Amino acid sequence: MSPIILPAIDVLAISGSLRRGSLNTALLRAAQEEAPAGMAIEIYDYSDIPLYNGDVEAAGFPASAQRLKDRVLKADAIVFAVPEYNYSFPGVLKNAIDWASRPYGKSAWSGKPASLVSTGGGLGGSRAQYQLRQVLMSQGMFVLGAPEVFVANAATRFDADLRLSDDAARGLIRQQLAALAALARRLAAAA
């Protein structure tokens, strides 16, 4: 019997931090390293997207926002790295979500499977993840409930090169990516 070859899974990774030394973006690089066979993860740079403004949209959808929307539409799944700022997720991430949801009724996020990872202090960004989960579900996304990935006390979990040094966190990332791949395949088969 021939082995079953499953289609590759194209994952778009979006960090809620635009900072060069972001531990959340470093967490996405760890996800790239831990991705299961047949999964490719691209970390997307959306730093050129303007603040959402209905007048700007009406004057012509910005090319940078359209590139993001097109990339979301192409992706089989999304991984969000979610920093916690003031008990919530960052405005730059909400801005990207808003642009890719426009125009009204034509959200690129609808029907996409997603998972969330975060780094932070004692709670590892959990409050931000739970708030983002509400926003993503409002867009019709299928957000994994488990396993959850919260890297608490993050400053002690990365080496000087911003490489995740916590084996337990790497294990959770592997489990989460396997669950995300399974969800993406189930959704694709049902479509």
N, C-alpha and C. Protein backbone atom coordinates (compact mmCIF):
# COMPACT_ATOMS: atom_id res chain seq x y z
N MET A 1 0.83 -1.17 0.00
CA MET A 1 0.00 0.00 0.00
C MET A 1 0.89 1.25 0.00
N SER A 2 0.54 2.21 -0.82
CA SER A 2 1.30 3.46 -0.91
C SER A 2 0.98 4.35 0.27
N PRO A 3 2.01 5.09 0.75
CA PRO A 3 1.72 6.02 1.85
C PRO A 3 0.82 7.15 1.37
N ILE A 4 -0.01 7.62 2.26
CA ILE A 4 -0.89 8.74 1.94
C ILE A 4 -0.06 10.03 2.06
N ILE A 5 -0.06 10.80 0.99
CA ILE A 5 0.66 12.06 0.99
C ILE A 5 -0.35 13.18 1.20
N LEU A 6 -0.21 13.87 2.30
CA LEU A 6 -1.12 14.96 2.60
C LEU A 6 -0.61 16.25 1.97
N PRO A 7 -1.53 17.12 1.57
CA PRO A 7 -1.08 18.38 0.98
C PRO A 7 -0.34 19.24 2.01
N ALA A 8 0.57 20.04 1.50
CA ALA A 8 1.33 20.96 2.37
C ALA A 8 0.37 21.98 2.98
N ILE A 9 0.72 22.44 4.16
CA ILE A 9 -0.09 23.44 4.86
C ILE A 9 0.69 24.76 4.87
N ASP A 10 0.10 25.78 4.30
CA ASP A 10 0.69 27.11 4.22
C ASP A 10 0.18 27.93 5.40
N VAL A 11 1.07 28.24 6.34
CA VAL A 11 0.69 28.97 7.54
C VAL A 11 1.26 30.39 7.50
N LEU A 12 0.40 31.35 7.74
CA LEU A 12 0.79 32.74 7.84
C LEU A 12 0.94 33.07 9.32
N ALA A 13 2.10 33.57 9.72
CA ALA A 13 2.36 33.92 11.11
C ALA A 13 2.40 35.43 11.25
N ILE A 14 1.64 35.95 12.19
CA ILE A 14 1.54 37.39 12.39
C ILE A 14 1.86 37.71 13.84
N SER A 15 2.88 38.55 14.03
CA SER A 15 3.25 38.97 15.37
C SER A 15 2.57 40.29 15.70
N GLY A 16 2.09 40.39 16.92
CA GLY A 16 1.48 41.63 17.37
C GLY A 16 2.51 42.67 17.78
N SER A 17 3.78 42.35 17.64
CA SER A 17 4.85 43.30 17.97
C SER A 17 5.68 43.57 16.73
N LEU A 18 5.90 44.83 16.45
CA LEU A 18 6.72 45.21 15.29
C LEU A 18 8.18 45.44 15.67
N ARG A 19 8.49 45.35 16.96
CA ARG A 19 9.84 45.61 17.46
C ARG A 19 10.82 44.57 16.95
N ARG A 20 11.99 44.99 16.53
CA ARG A 20 13.02 44.09 16.01
C ARG A 20 13.38 42.98 17.00
N GLY A 21 13.49 43.32 18.28
CA GLY A 21 13.87 42.35 19.29
C GLY A 21 12.69 41.71 20.00
N SER A 22 11.57 41.62 19.35
CA SER A 22 10.35 41.10 19.95
C SER A 22 10.47 39.62 20.31
N LEU A 23 10.16 39.29 21.55
CA LEU A 23 10.14 37.88 21.96
C LEU A 23 8.95 37.15 21.36
N ASN A 24 7.87 37.88 21.05
CA ASN A 24 6.74 37.23 20.40
C ASN A 24 7.08 36.84 18.97
N THR A 25 7.80 37.69 18.28
CA THR A 25 8.26 37.32 16.94
C THR A 25 9.28 36.19 17.03
N ALA A 26 10.11 36.20 18.05
CA ALA A 26 11.06 35.10 18.28
C ALA A 26 10.31 33.79 18.52
N LEU A 27 9.16 33.88 19.16
CA LEU A 27 8.33 32.69 19.38
C LEU A 27 7.83 32.13 18.04
N LEU A 28 7.54 33.01 17.11
CA LEU A 28 7.13 32.55 15.77
C LEU A 28 8.30 31.89 15.03
N ARG A 29 9.52 32.39 15.25
CA ARG A 29 10.68 31.72 14.65
C ARG A 29 10.85 30.32 15.24
N ALA A 30 10.57 30.18 16.54
CA ALA A 30 10.61 28.84 17.16
C ALA A 30 9.54 27.95 16.53
N ALA A 31 8.38 28.52 16.23
CA ALA A 31 7.32 27.75 15.57
C ALA A 31 7.80 27.28 14.19
N GLN A 32 8.50 28.13 13.46
CA GLN A 32 9.05 27.71 12.17
C GLN A 32 9.96 26.50 12.35
N GLU A 33 10.78 26.52 13.38
CA GLU A 33 11.71 25.42 13.65
C GLU A 33 10.98 24.14 14.07
N GLU A 34 9.85 24.28 14.73
CA GLU A 34 9.13 23.13 15.27
C GLU A 34 7.99 22.66 14.37
N ALA A 35 7.81 23.29 13.23
CA ALA A 35 6.70 22.93 12.35
C ALA A 35 6.79 21.48 11.91
N PRO A 36 5.65 20.79 11.87
CA PRO A 36 5.67 19.40 11.41
C PRO A 36 6.00 19.32 9.93
N ALA A 37 6.40 18.15 9.49
CA ALA A 37 6.68 17.94 8.06
C ALA A 37 5.44 18.33 7.26
N GLY A 38 5.68 19.02 6.15
CA GLY A 38 4.58 19.42 5.29
C GLY A 38 3.93 20.74 5.68
N MET A 39 4.49 21.44 6.65
CA MET A 39 3.96 22.74 7.05
C MET A 39 5.03 23.79 6.84
N ALA A 40 4.68 24.84 6.14
CA ALA A 40 5.58 25.98 5.94
C ALA A 40 4.97 27.19 6.64
N ILE A 41 5.78 27.88 7.44
CA ILE A 41 5.31 29.04 8.20
C ILE A 41 6.06 30.28 7.74
N GLU A 42 5.31 31.28 7.27
CA GLU A 42 5.88 32.56 6.87
C GLU A 42 5.52 33.62 7.91
N ILE A 43 6.53 34.29 8.45
CA ILE A 43 6.30 35.41 9.36
C ILE A 43 6.11 36.65 8.49
N TYR A 44 4.95 37.26 8.61
CA TYR A 44 4.56 38.36 7.74
C TYR A 44 4.89 39.72 8.36
N ASP A 45 5.50 40.59 7.58
CA ASP A 45 5.81 41.96 8.01
C ASP A 45 4.72 42.88 7.48
N TYR A 46 3.94 43.43 8.37
CA TYR A 46 2.85 44.32 7.97
C TYR A 46 3.08 45.75 8.50
N SER A 47 4.31 46.08 8.78
CA SER A 47 4.63 47.37 9.40
C SER A 47 4.33 48.57 8.50
N ASP A 48 4.08 48.34 7.22
CA ASP A 48 3.81 49.44 6.30
C ASP A 48 2.31 49.75 6.13
N ILE A 49 1.46 49.05 6.86
CA ILE A 49 0.02 49.27 6.72
C ILE A 49 -0.36 50.54 7.48
N PRO A 50 -1.13 51.45 6.84
CA PRO A 50 -1.55 52.66 7.55
C PRO A 50 -2.62 52.35 8.59
N LEU A 51 -2.86 53.29 9.47
CA LEU A 51 -3.96 53.14 10.41
C LEU A 51 -5.27 53.07 9.63
N TYR A 52 -6.16 52.18 10.07
CA TYR A 52 -7.44 52.08 9.36
C TYR A 52 -8.21 53.39 9.46
N ASN A 53 -8.74 53.81 8.32
CA ASN A 53 -9.54 55.03 8.23
C ASN A 53 -10.50 54.80 7.07
N GLY A 54 -11.79 54.89 7.32
CA GLY A 54 -12.78 54.68 6.28
C GLY A 54 -12.61 55.61 5.09
N ASP A 55 -12.12 56.83 5.33
CA ASP A 55 -11.88 57.76 4.23
C ASP A 55 -10.75 57.27 3.33
N VAL A 56 -9.70 56.72 3.96
CA VAL A 56 -8.59 56.16 3.17
C VAL A 56 -9.09 54.98 2.36
N GLU A 57 -9.88 54.12 2.97
CA GLU A 57 -10.44 52.97 2.26
C GLU A 57 -11.30 53.42 1.08
N ALA A 58 -12.13 54.42 1.29
CA ALA A 58 -13.01 54.92 0.23
C ALA A 58 -12.22 55.53 -0.92
N ALA A 59 -11.07 56.14 -0.61
CA ALA A 59 -10.23 56.76 -1.64
C ALA A 59 -9.46 55.72 -2.44
N GLY A 60 -9.35 54.52 -1.93
CA GLY A 60 -8.62 53.46 -2.62
C GLY A 60 -7.90 52.59 -1.62
N PHE A 61 -8.17 51.31 -1.64
CA PHE A 61 -7.59 50.38 -0.68
C PHE A 61 -6.07 50.46 -0.78
N PRO A 62 -5.36 50.73 0.31
CA PRO A 62 -3.89 50.84 0.26
C PRO A 62 -3.26 49.53 -0.21
N ALA A 63 -2.23 49.64 -1.02
CA ALA A 63 -1.57 48.45 -1.58
C ALA A 63 -1.03 47.54 -0.46
N SER A 64 -0.50 48.12 0.60
CA SER A 64 0.04 47.31 1.70
C SER A 64 -1.05 46.51 2.39
N ALA A 65 -2.22 47.10 2.55
CA ALA A 65 -3.35 46.40 3.16
C ALA A 65 -3.87 45.32 2.22
N GLN A 66 -3.88 45.59 0.93
CA GLN A 66 -4.33 44.59 -0.04
C GLN A 66 -3.37 43.40 -0.08
N ARG A 67 -2.06 43.66 0.02
CA ARG A 67 -1.08 42.56 0.07
C ARG A 67 -1.35 41.65 1.26
N LEU A 68 -1.61 42.26 2.43
CA LEU A 68 -1.93 41.46 3.61
C LEU A 68 -3.20 40.65 3.37
N LYS A 69 -4.22 41.29 2.88
CA LYS A 69 -5.50 40.60 2.65
C LYS A 69 -5.31 39.44 1.68
N ASP A 70 -4.58 39.66 0.60
CA ASP A 70 -4.33 38.59 -0.38
C ASP A 70 -3.56 37.44 0.26
N ARG A 71 -2.59 37.76 1.12
CA ARG A 71 -1.79 36.71 1.77
C ARG A 71 -2.63 35.90 2.76
N VAL A 72 -3.51 36.59 3.48
CA VAL A 72 -4.42 35.89 4.40
C VAL A 72 -5.32 34.95 3.60
N LEU A 73 -5.86 35.42 2.50
CA LEU A 73 -6.74 34.59 1.67
C LEU A 73 -6.02 33.34 1.16
N LYS A 74 -4.75 33.47 0.85
CA LYS A 74 -3.96 32.36 0.32
C LYS A 74 -3.61 31.33 1.40
N ALA A 75 -3.48 31.77 2.64
CA ALA A 75 -3.02 30.90 3.73
C ALA A 75 -4.04 29.83 4.07
N ASP A 76 -3.52 28.67 4.47
CA ASP A 76 -4.39 27.59 4.95
C ASP A 76 -4.72 27.77 6.42
N ALA A 77 -3.86 28.46 7.16
CA ALA A 77 -4.03 28.67 8.59
C ALA A 77 -3.21 29.88 9.02
N ILE A 78 -3.55 30.40 10.20
CA ILE A 78 -2.87 31.58 10.73
C ILE A 78 -2.40 31.28 12.15
N VAL A 79 -1.18 31.73 12.47
CA VAL A 79 -0.69 31.71 13.85
C VAL A 79 -0.44 33.15 14.26
N PHE A 80 -1.06 33.55 15.35
CA PHE A 80 -0.88 34.89 15.89
C PHE A 80 0.01 34.82 17.13
N ALA A 81 1.05 35.65 17.17
CA ALA A 81 1.86 35.83 18.38
C ALA A 81 1.34 37.10 19.05
N VAL A 82 0.91 36.96 20.29
CA VAL A 82 0.12 38.01 20.92
C VAL A 82 0.80 38.60 22.16
N PRO A 83 1.49 39.73 22.03
CA PRO A 83 2.00 40.39 23.21
C PRO A 83 0.85 41.00 24.02
N GLU A 84 1.09 41.21 25.27
CA GLU A 84 0.08 41.84 26.11
C GLU A 84 0.54 43.25 26.47
N TYR A 85 -0.23 44.23 26.03
CA TYR A 85 0.03 45.63 26.34
C TYR A 85 -1.17 46.14 27.14
N ASN A 86 -0.96 46.58 28.35
CA ASN A 86 -2.04 47.16 29.14
C ASN A 86 -3.27 46.25 29.22
N TYR A 87 -3.02 44.97 29.49
CA TYR A 87 -4.08 43.97 29.68
C TYR A 87 -4.82 43.61 28.38
N SER A 88 -4.27 43.95 27.24
CA SER A 88 -4.93 43.65 25.98
C SER A 88 -3.88 43.39 24.90
N PHE A 89 -4.34 43.13 23.69
CA PHE A 89 -3.41 42.94 22.59
C PHE A 89 -3.15 44.28 21.89
N PRO A 90 -2.03 44.40 21.19
CA PRO A 90 -1.61 45.69 20.62
C PRO A 90 -2.51 46.20 19.50
N GLY A 91 -2.57 47.52 19.42
CA GLY A 91 -3.35 48.19 18.39
C GLY A 91 -2.87 47.87 16.98
N VAL A 92 -1.56 47.66 16.79
CA VAL A 92 -1.08 47.35 15.43
C VAL A 92 -1.67 46.04 14.92
N LEU A 93 -1.86 45.09 15.82
CA LEU A 93 -2.47 43.82 15.42
C LEU A 93 -3.94 44.01 15.08
N LYS A 94 -4.64 44.77 15.90
CA LYS A 94 -6.06 45.05 15.61
C LYS A 94 -6.19 45.79 14.29
N ASN A 95 -5.28 46.70 14.03
CA ASN A 95 -5.30 47.45 12.77
C ASN A 95 -5.16 46.52 11.57
N ALA A 96 -4.24 45.57 11.65
CA ALA A 96 -4.06 44.60 10.55
C ALA A 96 -5.31 43.76 10.37
N ILE A 97 -5.89 43.33 11.49
CA ILE A 97 -7.13 42.54 11.41
C ILE A 97 -8.23 43.37 10.76
N ASP A 98 -8.34 44.63 11.16
CA ASP A 98 -9.38 45.49 10.59
C ASP A 98 -9.23 45.65 9.08
N TRP A 99 -8.01 45.94 8.61
CA TRP A 99 -7.82 46.13 7.17
C TRP A 99 -8.17 44.86 6.39
N ALA A 100 -7.74 43.70 6.87
CA ALA A 100 -8.01 42.46 6.12
C ALA A 100 -9.46 42.03 6.23
N SER A 101 -10.24 42.70 7.08
CA SER A 101 -11.67 42.39 7.18
C SER A 101 -12.52 43.29 6.28
N ARG A 102 -11.90 44.24 5.62
CA ARG A 102 -12.61 45.21 4.80
C ARG A 102 -12.62 44.80 3.33
N PRO A 103 -13.56 45.23 2.52
CA PRO A 103 -14.75 45.97 2.93
C PRO A 103 -15.70 45.06 3.72
N TYR A 104 -16.65 45.68 4.38
CA TYR A 104 -17.59 44.96 5.21
C TYR A 104 -18.21 43.81 4.41
N GLY A 105 -18.24 42.64 5.05
CA GLY A 105 -18.83 41.47 4.40
C GLY A 105 -17.85 40.68 3.56
N LYS A 106 -16.61 41.15 3.44
CA LYS A 106 -15.61 40.46 2.61
C LYS A 106 -14.33 40.23 3.41
N SER A 107 -14.48 39.76 4.63
CA SER A 107 -13.33 39.53 5.49
C SER A 107 -12.49 38.37 4.98
N ALA A 108 -11.19 38.59 4.91
CA ALA A 108 -10.25 37.53 4.50
C ALA A 108 -10.09 36.49 5.61
N TRP A 109 -10.45 36.84 6.83
CA TRP A 109 -10.25 35.95 7.97
C TRP A 109 -11.31 34.86 8.06
N SER A 110 -12.45 35.07 7.46
CA SER A 110 -13.58 34.16 7.62
C SER A 110 -13.24 32.73 7.21
N GLY A 111 -13.52 31.79 8.11
CA GLY A 111 -13.30 30.38 7.84
C GLY A 111 -11.89 29.89 8.04
N LYS A 112 -10.97 30.76 8.41
CA LYS A 112 -9.57 30.36 8.58
C LYS A 112 -9.35 29.73 9.95
N PRO A 113 -8.62 28.62 10.01
CA PRO A 113 -8.20 28.09 11.30
C PRO A 113 -7.05 28.92 11.84
N ALA A 114 -7.00 29.06 13.17
CA ALA A 114 -5.96 29.89 13.78
C ALA A 114 -5.53 29.32 15.12
N SER A 115 -4.31 29.67 15.49
CA SER A 115 -3.83 29.37 16.83
C SER A 115 -3.12 30.61 17.37
N LEU A 116 -2.99 30.64 18.70
CA LEU A 116 -2.41 31.80 19.37
C LEU A 116 -1.25 31.35 20.25
N VAL A 117 -0.18 32.12 20.22
CA VAL A 117 0.97 31.92 21.11
C VAL A 117 1.32 33.27 21.70
N SER A 118 1.94 33.27 22.88
CA SER A 118 2.35 34.55 23.44
C SER A 118 3.45 34.38 24.47
N THR A 119 4.21 35.45 24.64
CA THR A 119 5.20 35.55 25.69
C THR A 119 4.83 36.73 26.56
N GLY A 120 5.38 36.75 27.74
CA GLY A 120 5.10 37.89 28.61
C GLY A 120 5.63 37.65 30.00
N GLY A 121 5.06 38.36 30.94
CA GLY A 121 5.47 38.25 32.34
C GLY A 121 4.91 37.00 32.99
N GLY A 122 4.38 37.16 34.18
CA GLY A 122 3.91 36.03 34.95
C GLY A 122 2.76 35.26 34.34
N LEU A 123 1.93 35.92 33.54
CA LEU A 123 0.79 35.24 32.92
C LEU A 123 1.04 34.92 31.45
N GLY A 124 2.19 35.27 30.93
CA GLY A 124 2.57 34.89 29.57
C GLY A 124 1.68 35.44 28.47
N GLY A 125 1.01 36.56 28.70
CA GLY A 125 0.17 37.14 27.65
C GLY A 125 -1.22 36.56 27.57
N SER A 126 -1.64 35.83 28.59
CA SER A 126 -2.93 35.14 28.53
C SER A 126 -4.12 36.09 28.37
N ARG A 127 -4.08 37.23 29.06
CA ARG A 127 -5.22 38.15 28.96
C ARG A 127 -5.37 38.67 27.53
N ALA A 128 -4.25 38.95 26.89
CA ALA A 128 -4.29 39.43 25.50
C ALA A 128 -4.83 38.35 24.57
N GLN A 129 -4.41 37.12 24.79
CA GLN A 129 -4.91 36.02 23.95
C GLN A 129 -6.41 35.89 24.05
N TYR A 130 -6.94 35.97 25.26
CA TYR A 130 -8.38 35.78 25.43
C TYR A 130 -9.17 36.90 24.78
N GLN A 131 -8.66 38.12 24.80
CA GLN A 131 -9.35 39.21 24.12
C GLN A 131 -9.26 39.07 22.61
N LEU A 132 -8.07 38.69 22.12
CA LEU A 132 -7.92 38.51 20.67
C LEU A 132 -8.83 37.38 20.18
N ARG A 133 -8.95 36.35 20.96
CA ARG A 133 -9.81 35.21 20.59
C ARG A 133 -11.23 35.70 20.26
N GLN A 134 -11.77 36.64 21.05
CA GLN A 134 -13.10 37.18 20.79
C GLN A 134 -13.16 37.88 19.44
N VAL A 135 -12.14 38.67 19.14
CA VAL A 135 -12.11 39.41 17.87
C VAL A 135 -12.04 38.42 16.70
N LEU A 136 -11.19 37.42 16.81
CA LEU A 136 -11.03 36.46 15.72
C LEU A 136 -12.30 35.66 15.50
N MET A 137 -12.96 35.27 16.57
CA MET A 137 -14.21 34.53 16.42
C MET A 137 -15.29 35.40 15.78
N SER A 138 -15.26 36.70 16.03
CA SER A 138 -16.22 37.60 15.39
C SER A 138 -16.01 37.65 13.89
N GLN A 139 -14.82 37.28 13.44
CA GLN A 139 -14.50 37.26 12.01
C GLN A 139 -14.78 35.90 11.38
N GLY A 140 -15.32 34.98 12.16
CA GLY A 140 -15.65 33.66 11.62
C GLY A 140 -14.45 32.72 11.56
N MET A 141 -13.42 33.00 12.36
CA MET A 141 -12.25 32.13 12.38
C MET A 141 -12.49 30.95 13.31
N PHE A 142 -11.80 29.86 13.06
CA PHE A 142 -11.85 28.67 13.91
C PHE A 142 -10.57 28.67 14.75
N VAL A 143 -10.67 29.15 15.99
CA VAL A 143 -9.50 29.33 16.84
C VAL A 143 -9.35 28.10 17.74
N LEU A 144 -8.17 27.48 17.68
CA LEU A 144 -7.90 26.32 18.53
C LEU A 144 -8.08 26.67 20.00
N GLY A 145 -8.70 25.77 20.73
CA GLY A 145 -8.85 25.97 22.16
C GLY A 145 -7.68 25.39 22.94
N ALA A 146 -7.07 24.34 22.40
CA ALA A 146 -5.97 23.67 23.11
C ALA A 146 -5.09 22.97 22.09
N PRO A 147 -3.83 22.81 22.37
CA PRO A 147 -3.14 23.30 23.56
C PRO A 147 -2.87 24.81 23.46
N GLU A 148 -2.90 25.44 24.62
CA GLU A 148 -2.59 26.87 24.68
C GLU A 148 -1.09 27.02 24.90
N VAL A 149 -0.52 28.09 24.31
CA VAL A 149 0.91 28.35 24.47
C VAL A 149 1.08 29.74 25.08
N PHE A 150 1.47 29.77 26.36
CA PHE A 150 1.78 30.99 27.08
C PHE A 150 3.20 30.81 27.63
N VAL A 151 4.13 31.62 27.19
CA VAL A 151 5.49 31.53 27.70
C VAL A 151 5.66 32.63 28.75
N ALA A 152 5.47 32.24 30.00
CA ALA A 152 5.57 33.18 31.11
C ALA A 152 7.03 33.47 31.44
N ASN A 153 7.27 34.61 32.08
CA ASN A 153 8.63 35.02 32.45
C ASN A 153 9.57 34.87 31.25
N ALA A 154 9.12 35.42 30.14
CA ALA A 154 9.76 35.20 28.84
C ALA A 154 11.23 35.61 28.79
N ALA A 155 11.62 36.60 29.53
CA ALA A 155 13.01 37.06 29.48
C ALA A 155 13.99 35.96 29.87
N THR A 156 13.52 34.98 30.63
CA THR A 156 14.39 33.88 31.05
C THR A 156 14.27 32.66 30.14
N ARG A 157 13.44 32.72 29.12
CA ARG A 157 13.16 31.56 28.28
C ARG A 157 13.80 31.64 26.89
N PHE A 158 14.53 32.72 26.64
CA PHE A 158 15.19 32.92 25.35
C PHE A 158 16.66 33.19 25.61
N ASP A 159 17.51 32.74 24.69
CA ASP A 159 18.94 32.99 24.85
C ASP A 159 19.30 34.37 24.28
N ALA A 160 20.57 34.68 24.26
CA ALA A 160 21.03 35.99 23.80
C ALA A 160 20.72 36.25 22.33
N ASP A 161 20.53 35.18 21.56
CA ASP A 161 20.19 35.30 20.14
C ASP A 161 18.69 35.27 19.90
N LEU A 162 17.90 35.40 20.97
CA LEU A 162 16.44 35.36 20.92
C LEU A 162 15.91 34.01 20.41
N ARG A 163 16.61 32.96 20.76
CA ARG A 163 16.17 31.61 20.41
C ARG A 163 15.51 31.01 21.64
N LEU A 164 14.31 30.46 21.47
CA LEU A 164 13.57 29.87 22.57
C LEU A 164 14.37 28.71 23.15
N SER A 165 14.67 28.79 24.45
CA SER A 165 15.49 27.76 25.11
C SER A 165 14.68 26.87 26.04
N ASP A 166 13.38 27.05 26.06
CA ASP A 166 12.50 26.29 26.95
C ASP A 166 11.93 25.08 26.20
N ASP A 167 12.41 23.88 26.56
CA ASP A 167 11.99 22.67 25.87
C ASP A 167 10.50 22.38 26.05
N ALA A 168 9.96 22.68 27.22
CA ALA A 168 8.53 22.44 27.45
C ALA A 168 7.69 23.33 26.52
N ALA A 169 8.09 24.59 26.37
CA ALA A 169 7.37 25.49 25.47
C ALA A 169 7.48 25.01 24.03
N ARG A 170 8.65 24.54 23.64
CA ARG A 170 8.81 24.00 22.28
C ARG A 170 7.89 22.80 22.06
N GLY A 171 7.76 21.97 23.08
CA GLY A 171 6.87 20.81 22.98
C GLY A 171 5.42 21.24 22.80
N LEU A 172 5.00 22.26 23.54
CA LEU A 172 3.63 22.77 23.38
C LEU A 172 3.42 23.36 21.99
N ILE A 173 4.43 24.05 21.48
CA ILE A 173 4.33 24.61 20.13
C ILE A 173 4.16 23.48 19.12
N ARG A 174 4.95 22.42 19.25
CA ARG A 174 4.82 21.27 18.34
C ARG A 174 3.41 20.69 18.39
N GLN A 175 2.89 20.52 19.61
CA GLN A 175 1.54 19.98 19.77
C GLN A 175 0.50 20.90 19.14
N GLN A 176 0.65 22.19 19.37
CA GLN A 176 -0.31 23.14 18.83
C GLN A 176 -0.28 23.15 17.30
N LEU A 177 0.93 23.12 16.72
CA LEU A 177 1.02 23.13 15.25
C LEU A 177 0.45 21.85 14.65
N ALA A 178 0.64 20.73 15.32
CA ALA A 178 0.04 19.48 14.83
C ALA A 178 -1.49 19.58 14.89
N ALA A 179 -2.03 20.15 15.95
CA ALA A 179 -3.48 20.32 16.07
C ALA A 179 -3.99 21.31 15.02
N LEU A 180 -3.22 22.36 14.76
CA LEU A 180 -3.61 23.34 13.73
C LEU A 180 -3.62 22.69 12.36
N ALA A 181 -2.62 21.88 12.07
CA ALA A 181 -2.58 21.17 10.78
C ALA A 181 -3.78 20.25 10.63
N ALA A 182 -4.12 19.53 11.68
CA ALA A 182 -5.27 18.63 11.63
C ALA A 182 -6.57 19.41 11.41
N LEU A 183 -6.71 20.55 12.10
CA LEU A 183 -7.90 21.38 11.93
C LEU A 183 -7.96 21.92 10.50
N ALA A 184 -6.85 22.41 9.98
CA ALA A 184 -6.83 22.95 8.61
C ALA A 184 -7.23 21.86 7.61
N ARG A 185 -6.74 20.66 7.80
CA ARG A 185 -7.08 19.56 6.88
C ARG A 185 -8.56 19.18 6.99
N ARG A 186 -9.09 19.16 8.20
CA ARG A 186 -10.52 18.85 8.38
C ARG A 186 -11.39 19.91 7.70
N LEU A 187 -11.04 21.18 7.89
CA LEU A 187 -11.81 22.24 7.27
C LEU A 187 -11.73 22.21 5.75
N ALA A 188 -10.52 21.91 5.23
CA ALA A 188 -10.36 21.83 3.77
C ALA A 188 -11.16 20.66 3.20
N ALA A 189 -11.18 19.55 3.92
CA ALA A 189 -11.94 18.37 3.44
C ALA A 189 -13.44 18.64 3.46
N ALA A 190 -13.89 19.45 4.41
CA ALA A 190 -15.32 19.73 4.52
C ALA A 190 -15.78 20.79 3.52
N ALA A 191 -14.84 21.54 2.96
CA ALA A 191 -15.20 22.66 2.06
C ALA A 191 -15.64 22.17 0.69
